[in-house]
Protein backbone atom coordinates (compact mmCIF):
# COMPACT_ATOMS: atom_id res chain seq x y z
CA MET A 1 96.43 120.62 105.22
CA THR A 2 96.07 122.09 101.97
CA GLY A 3 97.49 121.44 98.32
CA LEU A 4 98.14 117.75 98.05
CA LEU A 5 97.42 115.34 100.34
CA THR A 6 100.40 115.39 103.25
CA VAL A 7 100.18 112.23 105.11
CA ARG A 8 102.91 111.96 108.17
CA GLY A 9 105.05 114.47 106.39
CA VAL A 10 104.37 112.35 103.08
CA ARG A 11 103.03 114.55 100.08
CA ALA A 12 100.81 111.30 99.05
CA GLY A 13 101.39 111.07 94.98
CA SER A 14 103.07 114.14 94.12
CA PRO A 15 103.95 114.17 91.13
CA PRO A 16 107.96 115.25 89.81
CA PRO A 17 109.05 118.35 89.38
CA THR A 18 108.95 119.35 85.98
CA THR A 19 110.24 122.85 83.97
CA THR A 20 107.36 123.36 81.91
CA GLY A 21 104.65 122.45 84.30
CA ALA A 22 101.14 123.91 85.03
CA ILE A 23 99.47 124.92 88.16
CA VAL A 24 95.56 124.85 88.85
CA ARG A 25 94.58 126.26 92.31
CA GLY A 26 91.83 127.13 94.21
CA THR A 27 89.42 126.93 96.86
CA VAL A 28 85.61 124.82 97.34
CA ARG A 29 83.17 126.10 99.29
CA PHE A 30 79.74 125.86 100.62
CA GLU A 31 76.56 127.75 100.40
CA GLY A 32 73.49 127.77 102.25
CA LYS A 33 72.73 126.92 105.85
CA VAL A 34 75.49 124.05 106.97
CA PRO A 35 73.09 121.02 108.31
CA PRO A 36 74.18 120.48 112.16
CA PRO A 37 76.65 117.71 113.00
CA LYS A 38 75.19 114.19 114.41
CA THR A 39 76.66 114.07 117.64
CA ILE A 40 78.43 110.32 117.94
CA ASP A 41 77.95 108.20 121.05
CA MET A 42 81.26 106.16 122.16
CA THR A 43 79.77 104.87 125.45
CA ALA A 44 80.01 101.46 124.08
CA ASP A 45 83.10 101.42 124.36
CA PRO A 46 84.65 103.24 127.50
CA VAL A 47 88.28 103.46 125.81
CA CYS A 48 87.11 105.40 123.25
CA ALA A 49 84.56 107.91 125.03
CA LYS A 50 87.25 108.91 127.85
CA GLN A 51 89.40 110.11 124.74
CA HIS A 52 86.81 112.78 124.02
CA PRO A 53 85.68 114.91 127.24
CA GLY A 54 83.52 117.09 124.90
CA ALA A 55 80.85 116.06 122.33
CA VAL A 56 82.01 114.29 119.20
CA THR A 57 80.99 115.03 115.71
CA LEU A 58 80.54 113.01 112.30
CA GLN A 59 82.51 115.05 109.64
CA GLU A 60 79.98 114.57 106.83
CA VAL A 61 80.01 118.69 106.26
CA VAL A 62 83.25 120.33 107.53
CA THR A 63 83.44 124.36 106.94
CA ASP A 64 85.29 127.06 108.53
CA SER A 65 83.19 130.40 109.47
CA SER A 66 83.66 131.79 105.73
CA GLY A 67 82.28 128.41 104.30
CA ASP A 68 85.50 127.12 103.00
CA LEU A 69 84.40 123.42 102.56
CA GLN A 70 87.33 120.63 104.15
CA ASN A 71 87.42 117.01 102.93
CA VAL A 72 86.69 117.63 99.00
CA VAL A 73 88.66 115.81 96.45
CA VAL A 74 89.82 117.58 93.65
CA PHE A 75 91.21 115.94 91.01
CA VAL A 76 91.84 115.89 87.24
CA SER A 77 89.36 113.15 85.67
CA ASP A 78 89.97 113.36 82.00
CA GLY A 79 92.87 115.11 79.88
CA LEU A 80 95.68 113.30 80.47
CA GLY A 81 95.25 110.51 77.69
CA ASP A 82 97.38 107.29 78.30
CA GLN A 83 100.11 108.70 80.25
CA LYS A 84 101.24 106.22 83.07
CA PHE A 85 102.73 107.22 86.25
CA ASP A 86 104.87 104.78 88.40
CA PRO A 87 103.69 105.07 92.13
CA PRO A 88 105.26 106.31 95.31
CA ALA A 89 107.08 103.57 97.33
CA GLN A 90 106.40 105.73 100.20
CA ALA A 91 103.86 104.50 102.38
CA ALA A 92 100.63 106.64 103.11
CA THR A 93 98.93 106.42 106.44
CA VAL A 94 95.78 106.70 107.92
CA GLU A 95 95.68 106.67 111.87
CA GLN A 96 92.76 105.20 114.09
CA LYS A 97 92.97 107.60 116.54
CA GLY A 98 90.56 108.27 119.25
CA CYS A 99 88.28 105.80 117.34
CA MET A 100 88.03 108.14 114.07
CA TYR A 101 89.33 107.96 111.47
CA LEU A 102 92.62 110.22 110.67
CA PRO A 103 92.35 112.04 108.25
CA HIS A 104 88.56 111.14 107.37
CA VAL A 105 89.24 111.46 103.71
CA MET A 106 92.24 110.54 101.98
CA ALA A 107 93.39 109.97 98.79
CA VAL A 108 96.88 107.49 97.40
CA ARG A 109 97.87 106.18 94.25
CA ALA A 110 96.73 102.92 92.72
CA GLY A 111 99.81 100.38 93.91
CA GLN A 112 100.94 102.65 96.73
CA PRO A 113 101.57 101.24 100.10
CA LEU A 114 98.52 102.23 102.46
CA GLN A 115 99.67 101.96 106.22
CA VAL A 116 96.79 101.18 108.87
CA VAL A 117 97.85 102.41 112.34
CA ASN A 118 95.71 101.75 115.37
CA ASP A 119 96.81 104.22 117.95
CA ASP A 120 93.94 103.51 120.24
CA ALA A 121 94.26 101.13 123.42
CA THR A 122 91.54 99.15 122.23
CA SER A 123 91.14 97.04 119.03
CA HIS A 124 89.57 97.83 115.55
CA ASN A 125 88.08 96.40 112.79
CA ILE A 126 89.12 97.99 109.41
CA HIS A 127 86.95 97.37 106.24
CA PRO A 128 86.85 98.97 103.47
CA THR A 129 84.53 98.14 100.88
CA PRO A 130 85.21 99.08 97.47
CA ALA A 131 83.28 98.80 93.99
CA ASN A 132 86.53 98.15 92.07
CA ASN A 133 89.04 96.91 94.24
CA ARG A 134 89.35 93.80 96.35
CA GLU A 135 87.41 93.98 99.83
CA TRP A 136 89.24 93.18 103.24
CA ASN A 137 88.03 93.35 106.04
CA LYS A 138 91.21 93.19 108.78
CA ALA A 139 90.91 93.13 112.86
CA GLU A 140 93.43 95.26 113.88
CA PRO A 141 95.08 94.98 117.97
CA PRO A 142 95.67 97.93 119.82
CA ASN A 143 98.29 100.27 118.58
CA SER A 144 99.74 98.18 115.91
CA LYS A 145 99.90 98.72 112.39
CA LEU A 146 98.93 96.61 109.37
CA GLU A 147 100.01 97.48 105.40
CA GLU A 148 97.90 97.07 102.33
CA ALA A 149 96.69 98.71 99.42
CA PHE A 150 94.93 99.25 96.40
CA ALA A 151 95.69 98.20 93.00
CA ARG A 152 92.76 100.14 90.59
CA GLU A 153 91.35 103.78 90.65
CA GLU A 154 88.61 104.20 92.46
CA ILE A 155 86.69 107.62 93.94
CA ALA A 156 85.79 106.95 96.57
CA ILE A 157 85.91 103.90 98.69
CA PRO A 158 83.68 103.95 102.23
CA VAL A 159 85.97 102.69 105.01
CA LYS A 160 83.92 101.66 108.52
CA CYS A 161 85.38 99.71 111.35
CA ASN A 162 82.98 96.85 112.25
CA LEU A 163 83.36 97.07 115.85
CA HIS A 164 83.04 100.86 115.88
CA PRO A 165 79.73 101.83 113.81
CA TRP A 166 80.18 105.75 114.09
CA MET A 167 83.83 105.17 112.64
CA LYS A 168 83.44 106.11 108.80
CA GLY A 169 85.60 107.84 106.37
CA TYR A 170 87.06 107.55 102.41
CA ILE A 171 89.66 106.54 100.88
CA ALA A 172 90.24 107.50 96.66
CA VAL A 173 92.77 106.18 94.73
CA PHE A 174 94.35 107.69 91.73
CA LYS A 175 96.36 106.54 88.86
CA HIS A 176 97.66 109.67 88.59
CA PRO A 177 99.77 112.19 91.03
CA PHE A 178 97.08 114.92 90.13
CA PHE A 179 94.93 115.20 93.19
CA ALA A 180 93.96 117.08 96.35
CA VAL A 181 91.84 117.06 99.13
CA THR A 182 90.99 119.83 100.56
CA GLY A 183 91.86 121.23 104.21
CA LYS A 184 90.62 123.52 106.79
CA ASP A 185 90.99 126.77 104.14
CA GLY A 186 88.94 124.66 101.48
CA ALA A 187 92.23 125.21 99.06
CA PHE A 188 93.59 122.85 97.11
CA ASP A 189 96.70 122.66 93.99
CA LEU A 190 97.20 121.08 91.44
CA SER A 191 101.15 121.18 90.39
CA ASN A 192 103.17 120.08 88.06
CA LEU A 193 100.43 119.60 84.85
CA PRO A 194 101.55 118.49 81.62
CA PRO A 195 100.27 121.61 79.22
CA GLY A 196 97.01 120.95 78.17
CA SER A 197 93.00 120.80 78.32
CA TYR A 198 91.51 119.33 81.16
CA THR A 199 88.24 118.42 83.21
CA ILE A 200 88.61 118.82 86.87
CA THR A 201 86.47 117.13 89.18
CA ALA A 202 85.42 117.91 92.98
CA TRP A 203 84.11 115.12 94.74
CA HIS A 204 82.22 115.49 98.48
CA GLU A 205 80.85 112.51 100.17
CA LYS A 206 77.41 114.14 101.01
CA LEU A 207 77.35 116.71 98.45
CA GLY A 208 78.20 114.72 95.43
CA SER A 209 80.59 116.04 92.53
CA SER A 210 81.23 119.19 89.98
CA THR A 211 83.50 119.35 87.24
CA GLN A 212 84.82 122.12 85.24
CA LYS A 213 87.03 122.61 82.61
CA VAL A 214 90.63 124.11 81.99
CA THR A 215 92.94 124.51 79.55
CA VAL A 216 96.93 125.15 80.95
CA GLY A 217 100.28 126.20 79.28
CA THR A 218 103.49 125.97 79.75
CA ASN A 219 104.21 127.10 83.22
CA GLU A 220 100.72 129.20 83.26
CA THR A 221 98.79 128.99 86.97
CA LYS A 222 95.08 128.68 86.46
CA GLN A 223 92.53 129.92 89.54
CA ILE A 224 89.24 127.88 89.50
CA SER A 225 86.79 127.66 92.26
CA PHE A 226 83.55 125.54 93.51
CA VAL A 227 80.78 126.01 95.50
CA PHE A 228 78.33 123.19 96.84
CA LYS A 229 75.06 124.06 97.43
CA GLY A 230 73.21 123.46 100.78
CA MET A 231 71.44 120.35 101.09
């Protein structure tokens, strides 16, 4: 999954196409020894455990063999001024499947509907713990869905399940559409940017944040890259 976050076929937060828009694209990489992933013990809930015949690990630092880093939120953090952007009416979706959050890290727009789906045959209790939004904590029975939204920008909101302590994820919330979440190849694509000078930030749940400044003109494409070092 590369570029703007794709959720159930929807490009969540995708800006409307323009004839003068610029593009900032690139990759995020990890350098150093990747910390060994922690194994998850799901035996407390047999419904969860039986869905994973092999070992399951936390998704804290996920890379491919080339060091391309997954689950990094890349976004415009400065340069848009007071421009306002209407949120999409179509919902973004996070699934609880195999007693894990899919995707592990996602991004939505402030005010955009967020559909939370429980695909499991066991109950979950989804509990975001924001600092700048309303906290909510809702039980969700098997094979059901609910809908919520976040009103204000916040990068990034931790999400947990009170019934399954290994279930952890993050939701980044933006007031504009210029963001992406890196997939397996570590790539990102910020399209349809108004020409101008911007600060681009890359955020990772364990490795912190890194910023770069970039200036793009009409119909111009700039390539940048972020590198996170070993912990």
